[in-house]
Amino acid sequence: MDLSIIIVNWNSKDYLQKCIASILSWTTDINFEIVVIDSASFDGVDEMLKRCYPQVRFMQSDRNLGFAKANNAAFRVSTGSNILFLNPDTELIGPAINILLDYIQVLPKAGAIGCKLLNADGSVQTSCIQAFPTILNQLLNSEFLRALFPRSPLWGMASLFNATKDEPAEVDVISGACLMLKRSLFEQVGLFSEDYFMYAEDLDLCYKISQPGFTNYYIPGASVTHFGGGSTEKRPSDFSVVMMRESIWRFMKKNRGKIYGLAYRASIAISAIGRLLLLIILLPLHYFRQSRPSWNASLKKWQAILTWSLGLKAAASNQS
């Protein structure tokens, strides 16, 4: 088997159906299998697959395993010499999988490789490549600054804006929404780290791959639409922002030491206090009175982040 395509489903049945259709439409001359694991969403995906794609191998988990554990479980029943971890809320644009598979065979010391991820409107999703997280780039991470300085090494996404080059580019992190690597390498680095429930598993995997000297590559000639939020939008509004910081904190503590992890958490607390003070100051302004729902959402978000950063509330890890 040339390739195993592993997809974790969590309340994404409709996305998944279109995702598989795009795989079958565009992927040719490859001996591949598709393995789908449902992480206790029980959204009818099993019946949909039986009806539409009986060739897909399906696994049903009786509990929500989280991204890392679910992918690892599906990997263990797969047989491909190469592995593609693919989100259910994606659709191929052209022969993206063929392109990635061709490159992974020839790139020197190939680690994780990934493609250009596009939003539904065709714009580039800048999160498809990243720098390894640091306290500085996490504190400064904002849409405004990223748009103002897109080529800054802080973000690690400069390759997205190199319009004159279409060759593979060396990067720190490939998004787990579409990530390919060799089976032997995935086993060598110990699979996905299961101490993450969701978010940062791809950061951690790419970091583990880089340690023995392998290189992670961005392949701009392959494109996939990533609709994003297909399952997380069904969770509480503060779930994602808190879980993201929880996962980054785990990455910091694990790979940079406990002191660095504590410093990151303290920096997030200071940042949250600053944001909350700013929101309180701006409340009397007429503009913000007109945008009260947005103001309330921002206030709730930063309150949740502050509560987490002070250790007053753990991030939920058993959502199902």
C-alpha atoms as a PDB file:
ATOM      1  CA  MET A   1       0.000   0.000   0.000  1.00  0.00           C
ATOM      2  CA  ASP A   2       1.519   3.332  -1.091  1.00  0.00           C
ATOM      3  CA  LEU A   3      -0.528   5.559   1.183  1.00  0.00           C
ATOM      4  CA  SER A   4      -2.971   5.496   4.089  1.00  0.00           C
ATOM      5  CA  ILE A   5      -5.219   8.541   4.407  1.00  0.00           C
ATOM      6  CA  ILE A   6      -6.386   8.916   8.009  1.00  0.00           C
ATOM      7  CA  ILE A   7      -9.359  11.124   8.868  1.00  0.00           C
ATOM      8  CA  VAL A   8     -10.778  11.786  12.343  1.00  0.00           C
ATOM      9  CA  ASN A   9     -14.482  12.622  12.350  1.00  0.00           C
ATOM     10  CA  TRP A  10     -16.228  14.583  15.085  1.00  0.00           C
ATOM     11  CA  ASN A  11     -19.642  15.855  13.999  1.00  0.00           C
ATOM     12  CA  SER A  12     -18.346  16.508  10.480  1.00  0.00           C
ATOM     13  CA  LYS A  13     -20.297  13.979   8.420  1.00  0.00           C
ATOM     14  CA  ASP A  14     -21.317  16.397   5.652  1.00  0.00           C
ATOM     15  CA  TYR A  15     -17.809  17.785   5.313  1.00  0.00           C
ATOM     16  CA  LEU A  16     -16.376  14.277   5.320  1.00  0.00           C
ATOM     17  CA  GLN A  17     -18.608  13.094   2.481  1.00  0.00           C
ATOM     18  CA  LYS A  18     -17.322  15.901   0.242  1.00  0.00           C
ATOM     19  CA  CYS A  19     -13.749  15.360   1.408  1.00  0.00           C
ATOM     20  CA  ILE A  20     -13.772  11.692   0.381  1.00  0.00           C
ATOM     21  CA  ALA A  21     -15.440  12.545  -2.926  1.00  0.00           C
ATOM     22  CA  SER A  22     -12.601  14.962  -3.712  1.00  0.00           C
ATOM     23  CA  ILE A  23      -9.982  12.357  -2.797  1.00  0.00           C
ATOM     24  CA  LEU A  24     -11.509   9.768  -5.091  1.00  0.00           C
ATOM     25  CA  SER A  25     -11.934  12.300  -7.907  1.00  0.00           C
ATOM     26  CA  TRP A  26      -8.378  13.626  -7.912  1.00  0.00           C
ATOM     27  CA  THR A  27      -6.121  10.866  -6.590  1.00  0.00           C
ATOM     28  CA  THR A  28      -4.983   8.499  -9.350  1.00  0.00           C
ATOM     29  CA  ASP A  29      -2.306   5.882  -9.996  1.00  0.00           C
ATOM     30  CA  ILE A  30      -1.752   5.388  -6.263  1.00  0.00           C
ATOM     31  CA  ASN A  31      -2.524   2.290  -4.236  1.00  0.00           C
ATOM     32  CA  PHE A  32      -4.166   3.927  -1.225  1.00  0.00           C
ATOM     33  CA  GLU A  33      -6.642   3.295   1.567  1.00  0.00           C
ATOM     34  CA  ILE A  34      -8.851   5.649   3.560  1.00  0.00           C
ATOM     35  CA  VAL A  35      -9.289   5.020   7.281  1.00  0.00           C
ATOM     36  CA  VAL A  36     -11.974   7.037   9.092  1.00  0.00           C
ATOM     37  CA  ILE A  37     -12.352   7.014  12.867  1.00  0.00           C
ATOM     38  CA  ASP A  38     -15.372   8.611  14.526  1.00  0.00           C
ATOM     39  CA  SER A  39     -14.450  10.010  17.922  1.00  0.00           C
ATOM     40  CA  ALA A  40     -17.773   9.329  19.663  1.00  0.00           C
ATOM     41  CA  SER A  41     -19.822  11.905  17.774  1.00  0.00           C
ATOM     42  CA  PHE A  42     -22.225   9.203  16.489  1.00  0.00           C
ATOM     43  CA  ASP A  43     -23.425  11.619  13.803  1.00  0.00           C
ATOM     44  CA  GLY A  44     -24.440   8.939  11.303  1.00  0.00           C
ATOM     45  CA  VAL A  45     -21.082   8.855   9.567  1.00  0.00           C
ATOM     46  CA  ASP A  46     -21.051   5.044   9.676  1.00  0.00           C
ATOM     47  CA  GLU A  47     -24.270   4.805   7.671  1.00  0.00           C
ATOM     48  CA  MET A  48     -23.094   7.461   5.220  1.00  0.00           C
ATOM     49  CA  LEU A  49     -19.875   5.561   4.562  1.00  0.00           C
ATOM     50  CA  LYS A  50     -21.681   2.245   4.117  1.00  0.00           C
ATOM     51  CA  ARG A  51     -24.024   3.860   1.635  1.00  0.00           C
ATOM     52  CA  CYS A  52     -21.606   6.055  -0.322  1.00  0.00           C
ATOM     53  CA  TYR A  53     -18.080   4.728   0.248  1.00  0.00           C
ATOM     54  CA  PRO A  54     -18.111   1.080   1.353  1.00  0.00           C
ATOM     55  CA  GLN A  55     -14.410   0.777   0.480  1.00  0.00           C
ATOM     56  CA  VAL A  56     -13.499   3.132   3.342  1.00  0.00           C
ATOM     57  CA  ARG A  57     -12.288   1.430   6.488  1.00  0.00           C
ATOM     58  CA  PHE A  58     -14.328   2.712   9.447  1.00  0.00           C
ATOM     59  CA  MET A  59     -13.598   2.672  13.174  1.00  0.00           C
ATOM     60  CA  GLN A  60     -16.038   3.742  15.879  1.00  0.00           C
ATOM     61  CA  SER A  61     -14.711   4.993  19.207  1.00  0.00           C
ATOM     62  CA  ASP A  62     -17.102   4.922  22.160  1.00  0.00           C
ATOM     63  CA  ARG A  63     -15.487   8.041  23.652  1.00  0.00           C
ATOM     64  CA  ASN A  64     -13.994  11.275  22.373  1.00  0.00           C
ATOM     65  CA  LEU A  65     -10.316  10.445  22.130  1.00  0.00           C
ATOM     66  CA  GLY A  66      -9.087  13.835  20.982  1.00  0.00           C
ATOM     67  CA  PHE A  67      -7.075  14.434  17.824  1.00  0.00           C
ATOM     68  CA  ALA A  68      -3.818  12.713  18.783  1.00  0.00           C
ATOM     69  CA  LYS A  69      -5.231   9.506  20.269  1.00  0.00           C
ATOM     70  CA  ALA A  70      -7.780   9.110  17.483  1.00  0.00           C
ATOM     71  CA  ASN A  71      -5.168   9.502  14.754  1.00  0.00           C
ATOM     72  CA  ASN A  72      -2.826   7.095  16.512  1.00  0.00           C
ATOM     73  CA  ALA A  73      -5.605   4.508  16.855  1.00  0.00           C
ATOM     74  CA  ALA A  74      -6.417   4.730  13.142  1.00  0.00           C
ATOM     75  CA  PHE A  75      -2.741   4.622  12.236  1.00  0.00           C
ATOM     76  CA  ARG A  76      -2.307   1.310  14.049  1.00  0.00           C
ATOM     77  CA  VAL A  77      -4.781  -0.422  11.738  1.00  0.00           C
ATOM     78  CA  SER A  78      -3.439   1.237   8.576  1.00  0.00           C
ATOM     79  CA  THR A  79      -0.959  -0.397   6.214  1.00  0.00           C
ATOM     80  CA  GLY A  80       0.438   2.353   3.962  1.00  0.00           C
ATOM     81  CA  SER A  81       4.163   3.027   3.679  1.00  0.00           C
ATOM     82  CA  ASN A  82       3.243   6.732   3.748  1.00  0.00           C
ATOM     83  CA  ILE A  83       0.612   8.403   5.924  1.00  0.00           C
ATOM     84  CA  LEU A  84      -1.567  11.424   5.223  1.00  0.00           C
ATOM     85  CA  PHE A  85      -3.406  12.933   8.183  1.00  0.00           C
ATOM     86  CA  LEU A  86      -6.295  14.899   6.718  1.00  0.00           C
ATOM     87  CA  ASN A  87      -9.077  16.905   8.355  1.00  0.00           C
ATOM     88  CA  PRO A  88     -12.633  15.979   7.370  1.00  0.00           C
ATOM     89  CA  ASP A  89     -13.430  19.629   6.548  1.00  0.00           C
ATOM     90  CA  THR A  90     -11.052  19.710   3.585  1.00  0.00           C
ATOM     91  CA  GLU A  91     -11.442  19.284  -0.155  1.00  0.00           C
ATOM     92  CA  LEU A  92      -8.677  18.645  -2.653  1.00  0.00           C
ATOM     93  CA  ILE A  93      -8.006  21.157  -5.404  1.00  0.00           C
ATOM     94  CA  GLY A  94      -6.471  19.104  -8.169  1.00  0.00           C
ATOM     95  CA  PRO A  95      -4.107  16.172  -7.565  1.00  0.00           C
ATOM     96  CA  ALA A  96      -2.740  17.517  -4.280  1.00  0.00           C
ATOM     97  CA  ILE A  97      -2.157  14.077  -2.788  1.00  0.00           C
ATOM     98  CA  ASN A  98      -0.270  12.858  -5.856  1.00  0.00           C
ATOM     99  CA  ILE A  99       1.948  15.950  -5.704  1.00  0.00           C
ATOM    100  CA  LEU A 100       2.735  15.477  -2.006  1.00  0.00           C
ATOM    101  CA  LEU A 101       3.462  11.787  -2.466  1.00  0.00           C
ATOM    102  CA  ASP A 102       5.819  12.499  -5.370  1.00  0.00           C
ATOM    103  CA  TYR A 103       7.759  15.051  -3.323  1.00  0.00           C
ATOM    104  CA  ILE A 104       8.063  12.954  -0.187  1.00  0.00           C
ATOM    105  CA  GLN A 105       9.962  10.345  -2.184  1.00  0.00           C
ATOM    106  CA  VAL A 106      12.625  12.754  -3.463  1.00  0.00           C
ATOM    107  CA  LEU A 107      13.082  15.544  -0.911  1.00  0.00           C
ATOM    108  CA  PRO A 108      16.261  15.163   1.162  1.00  0.00           C
ATOM    109  CA  LYS A 109      15.620  14.084   4.769  1.00  0.00           C
ATOM    110  CA  ALA A 110      11.897  14.686   4.281  1.00  0.00           C
ATOM    111  CA  GLY A 111       9.989  15.014   7.530  1.00  0.00           C
ATOM    112  CA  ALA A 112       6.415  16.276   7.539  1.00  0.00           C
ATOM    113  CA  ILE A 113       5.261  17.831   4.290  1.00  0.00           C
ATOM    114  CA  GLY A 114       2.148  19.886   3.690  1.00  0.00           C
ATOM    115  CA  CYS A 115       0.336  21.886   1.062  1.00  0.00           C
ATOM    116  CA  LYS A 116      -1.178  25.329   0.604  1.00  0.00           C
ATOM    117  CA  LEU A 117      -4.405  25.529   2.598  1.00  0.00           C
ATOM    118  CA  LEU A 118      -7.080  27.836   1.235  1.00  0.00           C
ATOM    119  CA  ASN A 119     -10.147  29.368   2.849  1.00  0.00           C
ATOM    120  CA  ALA A 120     -13.547  28.848   1.250  1.00  0.00           C
ATOM    121  CA  ASP A 121     -13.169  32.163  -0.619  1.00  0.00           C
ATOM    122  CA  GLY A 122      -9.845  31.067  -2.140  1.00  0.00           C
ATOM    123  CA  SER A 123      -7.622  33.187   0.092  1.00  0.00           C
ATOM    124  CA  VAL A 124      -4.534  31.603   1.641  1.00  0.00           C
ATOM    125  CA  GLN A 125      -4.900  30.237   5.161  1.00  0.00           C
ATOM    126  CA  THR A 126      -1.801  31.589   6.838  1.00  0.00           C
ATOM    127  CA  SER A 127      -1.877  28.969   9.600  1.00  0.00           C
ATOM    128  CA  CYS A 128      -0.890  26.223   7.140  1.00  0.00           C
ATOM    129  CA  ILE A 129       2.762  26.856   8.064  1.00  0.00           C
ATOM    130  CA  GLN A 130       4.062  28.283  11.326  1.00  0.00           C
ATOM    131  CA  ALA A 131       7.132  28.911  13.420  1.00  0.00           C
ATOM    132  CA  PHE A 132       7.648  26.864  16.561  1.00  0.00           C
ATOM    133  CA  PRO A 133       5.907  28.735  19.396  1.00  0.00           C
ATOM    134  CA  THR A 134       7.835  31.022  21.721  1.00  0.00           C
ATOM    135  CA  ILE A 135       6.626  33.408  24.406  1.00  0.00           C
ATOM    136  CA  LEU A 136       7.350  36.347  22.102  1.00  0.00           C
ATOM    137  CA  ASN A 137       5.537  35.128  19.004  1.00  0.00           C
ATOM    138  CA  GLN A 138       2.558  34.000  21.081  1.00  0.00           C
ATOM    139  CA  LEU A 139       2.258  37.347  22.865  1.00  0.00           C
ATOM    140  CA  LEU A 140       2.512  39.303  19.605  1.00  0.00           C
ATOM    141  CA  ASN A 141       0.315  36.918  17.634  1.00  0.00           C
ATOM    142  CA  SER A 142      -2.547  38.974  16.223  1.00  0.00           C
ATOM    143  CA  GLU A 143      -4.183  39.296  12.832  1.00  0.00           C
ATOM    144  CA  PHE A 144      -3.144  42.966  12.712  1.00  0.00           C
ATOM    145  CA  LEU A 145       0.572  42.326  13.282  1.00  0.00           C
ATOM    146  CA  ARG A 146       0.644  39.261  11.046  1.00  0.00           C
ATOM    147  CA  ALA A 147      -0.920  41.279   8.233  1.00  0.00           C
ATOM    148  CA  LEU A 148       1.461  44.198   8.826  1.00  0.00           C
ATOM    149  CA  PHE A 149       4.621  42.056   8.925  1.00  0.00           C
ATOM    150  CA  PRO A 150       3.717  38.810   7.084  1.00  0.00           C
ATOM    151  CA  ARG A 151       7.343  37.937   6.296  1.00  0.00           C
ATOM    152  CA  SER A 152       8.581  38.283   9.863  1.00  0.00           C
ATOM    153  CA  PRO A 153      10.408  35.185  11.108  1.00  0.00           C
ATOM    154  CA  LEU A 154       8.223  35.407  14.222  1.00  0.00           C
ATOM    155  CA  TRP A 155       5.359  33.777  12.361  1.00  0.00           C
ATOM    156  CA  GLY A 156       7.290  31.399  10.089  1.00  0.00           C
ATOM    157  CA  MET A 157       4.943  31.982   7.149  1.00  0.00           C
ATOM    158  CA  ALA A 158       7.131  34.020   4.783  1.00  0.00           C
ATOM    159  CA  SER A 159       7.097  31.211   2.194  1.00  0.00           C
ATOM    160  CA  LEU A 160       3.382  31.816   1.635  1.00  0.00           C
ATOM    161  CA  PHE A 161       4.152  35.221   0.135  1.00  0.00           C
ATOM    162  CA  ASN A 162       7.012  34.278  -2.174  1.00  0.00           C
ATOM    163  CA  ALA A 163       5.123  34.641  -5.436  1.00  0.00           C
ATOM    164  CA  THR A 164       8.155  33.967  -7.626  1.00  0.00           C
ATOM    165  CA  LYS A 165       8.936  30.517  -6.281  1.00  0.00           C
ATOM    166  CA  ASP A 166       6.930  27.312  -6.557  1.00  0.00           C
ATOM    167  CA  GLU A 167       9.552  24.992  -5.101  1.00  0.00           C
ATOM    168  CA  PRO A 168       9.325  23.250  -1.707  1.00  0.00           C
ATOM    169  CA  ALA A 169      10.316  25.472   1.215  1.00  0.00           C
ATOM    170  CA  GLU A 170      11.836  24.423   4.532  1.00  0.00           C
ATOM    171  CA  VAL A 171       9.527  25.371   7.427  1.00  0.00           C
ATOM    172  CA  ASP A 172       9.128  24.714  11.141  1.00  0.00           C
ATOM    173  CA  VAL A 173       5.538  23.501  11.348  1.00  0.00           C
ATOM    174  CA  ILE A 174       3.080  21.947   8.921  1.00  0.00           C
ATOM    175  CA  SER A 175      -0.610  22.172   9.805  1.00  0.00           C
ATOM    176  CA  GLY A 176      -2.181  18.924  10.950  1.00  0.00           C
ATOM    177  CA  ALA A 177      -5.140  19.671   8.667  1.00  0.00           C
ATOM    178  CA  CYS A 178      -3.115  18.106   5.835  1.00  0.00           C
ATOM    179  CA  LEU A 179       0.165  16.520   6.875  1.00  0.00           C
ATOM    180  CA  MET A 180       2.035  13.703   5.133  1.00  0.00           C
ATOM    181  CA  LEU A 181       5.043  11.747   6.333  1.00  0.00           C
ATOM    182  CA  LYS A 182       6.606   8.343   5.936  1.00  0.00           C
ATOM    183  CA  ARG A 183       5.291   5.550   8.111  1.00  0.00           C
ATOM    184  CA  SER A 184       8.763   4.635   9.315  1.00  0.00           C
ATOM    185  CA  LEU A 185       9.440   8.205  10.484  1.00  0.00           C
ATOM    186  CA  PHE A 186       6.098   8.473  12.277  1.00  0.00           C
ATOM    187  CA  GLU A 187       6.946   5.288  14.170  1.00  0.00           C
ATOM    188  CA  GLN A 188      10.503   6.499  14.828  1.00  0.00           C
ATOM    189  CA  VAL A 189       9.310   9.667  16.615  1.00  0.00           C
ATOM    190  CA  GLY A 190       6.677   7.815  18.630  1.00  0.00           C
ATOM    191  CA  LEU A 191       3.479   8.832  16.792  1.00  0.00           C
ATOM    192  CA  PHE A 192       1.430  11.836  17.945  1.00  0.00           C
ATOM    193  CA  SER A 193       2.003  12.755  21.587  1.00  0.00           C
ATOM    194  CA  GLU A 194      -1.166  11.814  23.415  1.00  0.00           C
ATOM    195  CA  ASP A 195      -0.777  14.363  26.203  1.00  0.00           C
ATOM    196  CA  TYR A 196      -2.613  16.838  23.944  1.00  0.00           C
ATOM    197  CA  PHE A 197      -6.386  16.601  23.582  1.00  0.00           C
ATOM    198  CA  MET A 198      -6.585  18.976  20.629  1.00  0.00           C
ATOM    199  CA  TYR A 199      -4.349  21.698  19.154  1.00  0.00           C
ATOM    200  CA  ALA A 200      -0.534  21.702  19.179  1.00  0.00           C
ATOM    201  CA  GLU A 201      -0.258  18.006  18.272  1.00  0.00           C
ATOM    202  CA  ASP A 202       1.069  19.073  14.867  1.00  0.00           C
ATOM    203  CA  LEU A 203       3.522  21.514  16.508  1.00  0.00           C
ATOM    204  CA  ASP A 204       4.768  18.764  18.782  1.00  0.00           C
ATOM    205  CA  LEU A 205       5.044  16.216  15.965  1.00  0.00           C
ATOM    206  CA  CYS A 206       6.955  18.616  13.703  1.00  0.00           C
ATOM    207  CA  TYR A 207       9.265  19.477  16.601  1.00  0.00           C
ATOM    208  CA  LYS A 208       9.968  15.796  17.296  1.00  0.00           C
ATOM    209  CA  ILE A 209      10.666  15.265  13.586  1.00  0.00           C
ATOM    210  CA  SER A 210      13.143  18.151  13.482  1.00  0.00           C
ATOM    211  CA  GLN A 211      15.194  16.910  16.451  1.00  0.00           C
ATOM    212  CA  PRO A 212      16.909  13.965  14.676  1.00  0.00           C
ATOM    213  CA  GLY A 213      17.660  16.178  11.663  1.00  0.00           C
ATOM    214  CA  PHE A 214      14.674  15.714   9.372  1.00  0.00           C
ATOM    215  CA  THR A 215      13.264  18.712   7.498  1.00  0.00           C
ATOM    216  CA  ASN A 216       9.630  19.763   7.309  1.00  0.00           C
ATOM    217  CA  TYR A 217       8.591  21.091   3.889  1.00  0.00           C
ATOM    218  CA  TYR A 218       5.837  23.311   2.552  1.00  0.00           C
ATOM    219  CA  ILE A 219       4.766  22.341  -0.992  1.00  0.00           C
ATOM    220  CA  PRO A 220       3.100  25.405  -2.597  1.00  0.00           C
ATOM    221  CA  GLY A 221       2.187  23.510  -5.780  1.00  0.00           C
ATOM    222  CA  ALA A 222      -0.394  21.402  -3.925  1.00  0.00           C
ATOM    223  CA  SER A 223      -3.597  23.056  -2.697  1.00  0.00           C
ATOM    224  CA  VAL A 224      -6.455  21.986  -0.437  1.00  0.00           C
ATOM    225  CA  THR A 225      -9.479  23.978   0.702  1.00  0.00           C
ATOM    226  CA  HIS A 226      -9.795  23.892   4.484  1.00  0.00           C
ATOM    227  CA  PHE A 227     -13.162  25.129   5.667  1.00  0.00           C
ATOM    228  CA  GLY A 228     -12.072  25.160   9.321  1.00  0.00           C
ATOM    229  CA  GLY A 229     -14.186  25.076  12.454  1.00  0.00           C
ATOM    230  CA  GLY A 230     -16.297  22.216  11.171  1.00  0.00           C
ATOM    231  CA  SER A 231     -16.450  20.633  14.602  1.00  0.00           C
ATOM    232  CA  THR A 232     -15.071  23.207  17.049  1.00  0.00           C
ATOM    233  CA  GLU A 233     -17.825  25.656  16.126  1.00  0.00           C
ATOM    234  CA  LYS A 234     -20.219  23.304  17.933  1.00  0.00           C
ATOM    235  CA  ARG A 235     -18.338  23.802  21.227  1.00  0.00           C
ATOM    236  CA  PRO A 236     -18.698  26.648  23.757  1.00  0.00           C
ATOM    237  CA  SER A 237     -17.311  29.931  22.444  1.00  0.00           C
ATOM    238  CA  ASP A 238     -14.396  30.053  24.871  1.00  0.00           C
ATOM    239  CA  PHE A 239     -13.471  26.386  24.442  1.00  0.00           C
ATOM    240  CA  SER A 240     -11.133  26.830  21.485  1.00  0.00           C
ATOM    241  CA  VAL A 241      -9.234  29.877  22.750  1.00  0.00           C
ATOM    242  CA  VAL A 242      -8.587  28.284  26.142  1.00  0.00           C
ATOM    243  CA  MET A 243      -7.745  24.851  24.741  1.00  0.00           C
ATOM    244  CA  MET A 244      -5.295  26.408  22.281  1.00  0.00           C
ATOM    245  CA  ARG A 245      -3.383  28.120  25.099  1.00  0.00           C
ATOM    246  CA  GLU A 246      -3.528  25.000  27.240  1.00  0.00           C
ATOM    247  CA  SER A 247      -1.950  22.998  24.415  1.00  0.00           C
ATOM    248  CA  ILE A 248       0.731  25.618  23.713  1.00  0.00           C
ATOM    249  CA  TRP A 249       1.551  25.653  27.421  1.00  0.00           C
ATOM    250  CA  ARG A 250       1.943  21.875  27.380  1.00  0.00           C
ATOM    251  CA  PHE A 251       4.265  22.195  24.371  1.00  0.00           C
ATOM    252  CA  MET A 252       6.350  24.878  26.102  1.00  0.00           C
ATOM    253  CA  LYS A 253       6.632  22.904  29.336  1.00  0.00           C
ATOM    254  CA  LYS A 254       7.466  19.661  27.560  1.00  0.00           C
ATOM    255  CA  ASN A 255       9.997  20.975  25.043  1.00  0.00           C
ATOM    256  CA  ARG A 256      11.424  24.123  26.669  1.00  0.00           C
ATOM    257  CA  GLY A 257      11.208  23.289  30.377  1.00  0.00           C
ATOM    258  CA  LYS A 258       8.883  23.952  33.319  1.00  0.00           C
ATOM    259  CA  ILE A 259      10.244  27.449  33.993  1.00  0.00           C
ATOM    260  CA  TYR A 260       9.626  28.494  30.396  1.00  0.00           C
ATOM    261  CA  GLY A 261       6.141  27.038  30.615  1.00  0.00           C
ATOM    262  CA  LEU A 262       5.407  29.034  33.762  1.00  0.00           C
ATOM    263  CA  ALA A 263       6.770  32.177  32.116  1.00  0.00           C
ATOM    264  CA  TYR A 264       4.465  31.611  29.149  1.00  0.00           C
ATOM    265  CA  ARG A 265       1.466  31.183  31.426  1.00  0.00           C
ATOM    266  CA  ALA A 266       2.362  34.345  33.355  1.00  0.00           C
ATOM    267  CA  SER A 267       2.754  36.309  30.117  1.00  0.00           C
ATOM    268  CA  ILE A 268      -0.701  35.178  28.996  1.00  0.00           C
ATOM    269  CA  ALA A 269      -2.159  36.352  32.326  1.00  0.00           C
ATOM    270  CA  ILE A 270      -0.570  39.786  31.927  1.00  0.00           C
ATOM    271  CA  SER A 271      -1.783  40.005  28.338  1.00  0.00           C
ATOM    272  CA  ALA A 272      -5.324  39.032  29.347  1.00  0.00           C
ATOM    273  CA  ILE A 273      -5.413  41.660  32.116  1.00  0.00           C
ATOM    274  CA  GLY A 274      -4.261  44.293  29.627  1.00  0.00           C
ATOM    275  CA  ARG A 275      -6.921  43.303  27.099  1.00  0.00           C
ATOM    276  CA  LEU A 276      -9.665  43.353  29.751  1.00  0.00           C
ATOM    277  CA  LEU A 277      -8.629  46.805  30.986  1.00  0.00           C
ATOM    278  CA  LEU A 278      -8.675  48.088  27.421  1.00  0.00           C
ATOM    279  CA  LEU A 279     -12.149  46.670  26.855  1.00  0.00           C
ATOM    280  CA  ILE A 280     -13.416  48.306  30.051  1.00  0.00           C
ATOM    281  CA  ILE A 281     -11.920  51.657  29.041  1.00  0.00           C
ATOM    282  CA  LEU A 282     -13.482  51.473  25.590  1.00  0.00           C
ATOM    283  CA  LEU A 283     -16.947  50.492  26.819  1.00  0.00           C
ATOM    284  CA  PRO A 284     -18.311  54.055  27.181  1.00  0.00           C
ATOM    285  CA  LEU A 285     -17.452  54.928  23.598  1.00  0.00           C
ATOM    286  CA  HIS A 286     -20.448  55.177  21.311  1.00  0.00           C
ATOM    287  CA  TYR A 287     -18.881  52.845  18.731  1.00  0.00           C
ATOM    288  CA  PHE A 288     -18.556  50.036  21.206  1.00  0.00           C
ATOM    289  CA  ARG A 289     -22.079  50.547  22.466  1.00  0.00           C
ATOM    290  CA  GLN A 290     -23.212  49.939  18.901  1.00  0.00           C
ATOM    291  CA  SER A 291     -21.033  46.793  18.818  1.00  0.00           C
ATOM    292  CA  ARG A 292     -22.076  45.472  22.222  1.00  0.00           C
ATOM    293  CA  PRO A 293     -22.409  41.788  21.160  1.00  0.00           C
ATOM    294  CA  SER A 294     -18.840  41.819  19.832  1.00  0.00           C
ATOM    295  CA  TRP A 295     -17.629  43.575  22.992  1.00  0.00           C
ATOM    296  CA  ASN A 296     -19.362  41.000  25.183  1.00  0.00           C
ATOM    297  CA  ALA A 297     -17.796  38.144  23.213  1.00  0.00           C
ATOM    298  CA  SER A 298     -14.311  39.663  23.567  1.00  0.00           C
ATOM    299  CA  LEU A 299     -14.846  40.243  27.287  1.00  0.00           C
ATOM    300  CA  LYS A 300     -15.948  36.644  27.816  1.00  0.00           C
ATOM    301  CA  LYS A 301     -13.016  35.346  25.773  1.00  0.00           C
ATOM    302  CA  TRP A 302     -10.350  37.214  27.752  1.00  0.00           C
ATOM    303  CA  GLN A 303     -12.023  36.438  31.064  1.00  0.00           C
ATOM    304  CA  ALA A 304     -11.804  32.737  30.190  1.00  0.00           C
ATOM    305  CA  ILE A 305      -8.154  33.097  29.184  1.00  0.00           C
ATOM    306  CA  LEU A 306      -7.299  34.954  32.397  1.00  0.00           C
ATOM    307  CA  THR A 307      -9.106  32.381  34.526  1.00  0.00           C
ATOM    308  CA  TRP A 308      -7.171  29.588  32.822  1.00  0.00           C
ATOM    309  CA  SER A 309      -3.791  31.364  33.013  1.00  0.00           C
ATOM    310  CA  LEU A 310      -4.190  31.847  36.788  1.00  0.00           C
ATOM    311  CA  GLY A 311      -4.926  28.149  37.210  1.00  0.00           C
ATOM    312  CA  LEU A 312      -8.468  28.795  38.412  1.00  0.00           C
ATOM    313  CA  LYS A 313     -10.036  26.598  35.752  1.00  0.00           C
ATOM    314  CA  ALA A 314      -8.561  23.744  33.775  1.00  0.00           C
ATOM    315  CA  ALA A 315      -9.239  23.503  30.052  1.00  0.00           C
ATOM    316  CA  ALA A 316     -11.942  20.935  29.385  1.00  0.00           C
ATOM    317  CA  SER A 317     -10.547  17.779  27.816  1.00  0.00           C
ATOM    318  CA  ASN A 318     -13.515  15.461  27.795  1.00  0.00           C
ATOM    319  CA  GLN A 319     -15.853  17.087  25.317  1.00  0.00           C
ATOM    320  CA  SER A 320     -18.172  14.668  23.558  1.00  0.00           C
END
